Amino acid sequence: MKVVVEILEAGKYRDVAWEGEFVSAKGELRAVTPSYAAQLIKQSKAALYTDSDGEMSFTYK
């Protein structure tokens, strides 16, 4: 399961060690692991994405 976040700071990111880096622009939505989402939110580099009903978005990859 992954959580959808909105990137607040453009840059290069790496969610898990076995996947490559990804480049994201400010405002882009990305699906990341819950632990990486928490790390990015704590660092103010991302915000948890919620839909129009205020619900969190998840993906199952």
N, C-alpha and C. Protein backbone atom coordinates (compact mmCIF):
# COMPACT_ATOMS: atom_id res chain seq x y z
N MET A 1 0.85 -1.17 0.00
CA MET A 1 0.00 0.00 0.00
C MET A 1 0.89 1.24 0.00
N LYS A 2 0.46 2.23 -0.74
CA LYS A 2 1.17 3.51 -0.77
C LYS A 2 0.18 4.63 -0.50
N VAL A 3 0.70 5.75 -0.01
CA VAL A 3 -0.09 6.92 0.32
C VAL A 3 0.21 8.00 -0.73
N VAL A 4 -0.79 8.75 -1.12
CA VAL A 4 -0.59 9.82 -2.09
C VAL A 4 -0.28 11.12 -1.34
N VAL A 5 0.82 11.75 -1.74
CA VAL A 5 1.23 13.04 -1.16
C VAL A 5 1.37 14.06 -2.27
N GLU A 6 1.25 15.33 -1.90
CA GLU A 6 1.52 16.43 -2.82
C GLU A 6 2.89 16.98 -2.49
N ILE A 7 3.78 17.00 -3.47
CA ILE A 7 5.14 17.49 -3.27
C ILE A 7 5.11 19.00 -3.11
N LEU A 8 5.75 19.51 -2.05
CA LEU A 8 5.78 20.94 -1.78
C LEU A 8 7.11 21.58 -2.17
N GLU A 9 8.13 20.75 -2.38
CA GLU A 9 9.46 21.25 -2.73
C GLU A 9 10.03 20.40 -3.86
N ALA A 10 10.29 21.02 -5.00
CA ALA A 10 10.83 20.30 -6.15
C ALA A 10 12.19 19.70 -5.79
N GLY A 11 12.46 18.53 -6.34
CA GLY A 11 13.75 17.92 -6.09
C GLY A 11 13.78 16.45 -6.45
N LYS A 12 14.89 15.79 -6.08
CA LYS A 12 15.07 14.36 -6.29
C LYS A 12 14.73 13.64 -5.00
N TYR A 13 14.01 12.55 -5.13
CA TYR A 13 13.58 11.78 -3.98
C TYR A 13 13.82 10.30 -4.22
N ARG A 14 13.97 9.54 -3.13
CA ARG A 14 14.11 8.08 -3.21
C ARG A 14 13.29 7.49 -2.08
N ASP A 15 12.25 6.76 -2.46
CA ASP A 15 11.35 6.17 -1.47
C ASP A 15 11.98 4.95 -0.80
N VAL A 16 12.35 3.98 -1.57
CA VAL A 16 12.97 2.76 -1.04
C VAL A 16 14.28 2.49 -1.77
N ALA A 17 15.22 1.85 -1.07
CA ALA A 17 16.58 1.69 -1.59
C ALA A 17 16.64 0.94 -2.92
N TRP A 18 15.76 -0.03 -3.14
CA TRP A 18 15.85 -0.84 -4.36
C TRP A 18 15.18 -0.20 -5.57
N GLU A 19 14.53 0.95 -5.39
CA GLU A 19 13.97 1.69 -6.52
C GLU A 19 14.86 2.89 -6.81
N GLY A 20 14.84 3.35 -8.02
CA GLY A 20 15.65 4.50 -8.39
C GLY A 20 15.08 5.80 -7.86
N GLU A 21 15.88 6.83 -7.97
CA GLU A 21 15.41 8.17 -7.59
C GLU A 21 14.33 8.63 -8.56
N PHE A 22 13.49 9.52 -8.08
CA PHE A 22 12.52 10.15 -8.96
C PHE A 22 12.58 11.65 -8.75
N VAL A 23 12.34 12.39 -9.81
CA VAL A 23 12.34 13.85 -9.76
C VAL A 23 10.89 14.30 -9.72
N SER A 24 10.59 15.20 -8.80
CA SER A 24 9.22 15.71 -8.69
C SER A 24 9.23 17.23 -8.67
N ALA A 25 8.20 17.79 -9.29
CA ALA A 25 8.01 19.23 -9.31
C ALA A 25 7.04 19.61 -8.19
N LYS A 26 7.10 20.85 -7.78
CA LYS A 26 6.18 21.34 -6.76
C LYS A 26 4.75 21.17 -7.26
N GLY A 27 3.87 20.65 -6.40
CA GLY A 27 2.48 20.45 -6.73
C GLY A 27 2.16 19.09 -7.33
N GLU A 28 3.18 18.31 -7.65
CA GLU A 28 2.98 16.99 -8.24
C GLU A 28 2.46 16.02 -7.18
N LEU A 29 1.58 15.11 -7.58
CA LEU A 29 1.09 14.06 -6.69
C LEU A 29 1.92 12.82 -6.91
N ARG A 30 2.37 12.19 -5.81
CA ARG A 30 3.18 10.98 -5.89
C ARG A 30 2.68 9.96 -4.88
N ALA A 31 2.73 8.70 -5.24
CA ALA A 31 2.40 7.61 -4.32
C ALA A 31 3.70 7.11 -3.70
N VAL A 32 3.78 7.16 -2.38
CA VAL A 32 4.98 6.74 -1.65
C VAL A 32 4.57 5.86 -0.48
N THR A 33 5.53 5.16 0.10
CA THR A 33 5.24 4.33 1.26
C THR A 33 4.81 5.22 2.43
N PRO A 34 4.00 4.69 3.34
CA PRO A 34 3.56 5.49 4.48
C PRO A 34 4.71 6.06 5.31
N SER A 35 5.77 5.28 5.49
CA SER A 35 6.90 5.78 6.29
C SER A 35 7.62 6.93 5.59
N TYR A 36 7.76 6.86 4.26
CA TYR A 36 8.41 7.94 3.53
C TYR A 36 7.50 9.17 3.48
N ALA A 37 6.19 8.95 3.39
CA ALA A 37 5.24 10.07 3.44
C ALA A 37 5.39 10.82 4.76
N ALA A 38 5.48 10.08 5.86
CA ALA A 38 5.64 10.71 7.17
C ALA A 38 6.94 11.51 7.24
N GLN A 39 8.01 10.96 6.68
CA GLN A 39 9.31 11.64 6.67
C GLN A 39 9.23 12.94 5.86
N LEU A 40 8.64 12.88 4.67
CA LEU A 40 8.54 14.07 3.83
C LEU A 40 7.64 15.13 4.47
N ILE A 41 6.55 14.71 5.09
CA ILE A 41 5.65 15.65 5.75
C ILE A 41 6.36 16.32 6.92
N LYS A 42 7.10 15.55 7.72
CA LYS A 42 7.84 16.11 8.85
C LYS A 42 8.88 17.13 8.39
N GLN A 43 9.48 16.89 7.23
CA GLN A 43 10.49 17.80 6.67
C GLN A 43 9.86 18.95 5.88
N SER A 44 8.53 19.02 5.84
CA SER A 44 7.78 20.04 5.09
C SER A 44 8.08 20.01 3.60
N LYS A 45 8.39 18.82 3.07
CA LYS A 45 8.64 18.67 1.64
C LYS A 45 7.42 18.13 0.91
N ALA A 46 6.41 17.67 1.67
CA ALA A 46 5.19 17.14 1.08
C ALA A 46 4.04 17.31 2.06
N ALA A 47 2.83 17.24 1.51
CA ALA A 47 1.61 17.29 2.32
C ALA A 47 0.76 16.10 1.95
N LEU A 48 0.06 15.56 2.91
CA LEU A 48 -0.84 14.45 2.66
C LEU A 48 -1.94 14.91 1.73
N TYR A 49 -2.17 14.16 0.67
CA TYR A 49 -3.20 14.52 -0.31
C TYR A 49 -4.55 14.00 0.16
N THR A 50 -5.55 14.88 0.15
CA THR A 50 -6.91 14.47 0.46
C THR A 50 -7.82 14.89 -0.70
N ASP A 51 -8.85 14.07 -0.94
CA ASP A 51 -9.78 14.38 -2.03
C ASP A 51 -10.79 15.45 -1.59
N SER A 52 -11.76 15.73 -2.43
CA SER A 52 -12.73 16.79 -2.14
C SER A 52 -13.60 16.48 -0.91
N ASP A 53 -13.66 15.21 -0.52
CA ASP A 53 -14.41 14.82 0.68
C ASP A 53 -13.52 14.79 1.93
N GLY A 54 -12.26 15.15 1.78
CA GLY A 54 -11.33 15.14 2.89
C GLY A 54 -10.75 13.77 3.20
N GLU A 55 -10.93 12.82 2.27
CA GLU A 55 -10.43 11.46 2.46
C GLU A 55 -9.02 11.31 1.91
N MET A 56 -8.17 10.54 2.62
CA MET A 56 -6.84 10.25 2.14
C MET A 56 -6.92 9.33 0.93
N SER A 57 -5.92 9.41 0.07
CA SER A 57 -5.87 8.54 -1.11
C SER A 57 -4.77 7.50 -0.94
N PHE A 58 -5.10 6.26 -1.29
CA PHE A 58 -4.15 5.15 -1.22
C PHE A 58 -4.07 4.49 -2.58
N THR A 59 -2.95 3.85 -2.84
CA THR A 59 -2.81 3.02 -4.03
C THR A 59 -2.31 1.66 -3.56
N TYR A 60 -2.58 0.65 -4.32
CA TYR A 60 -2.14 -0.70 -4.00
C TYR A 60 -1.33 -1.23 -5.17
N LYS A 61 0.00 -1.16 -5.04
CA LYS A 61 0.91 -1.60 -6.11
C LYS A 61 1.64 -2.83 -5.66
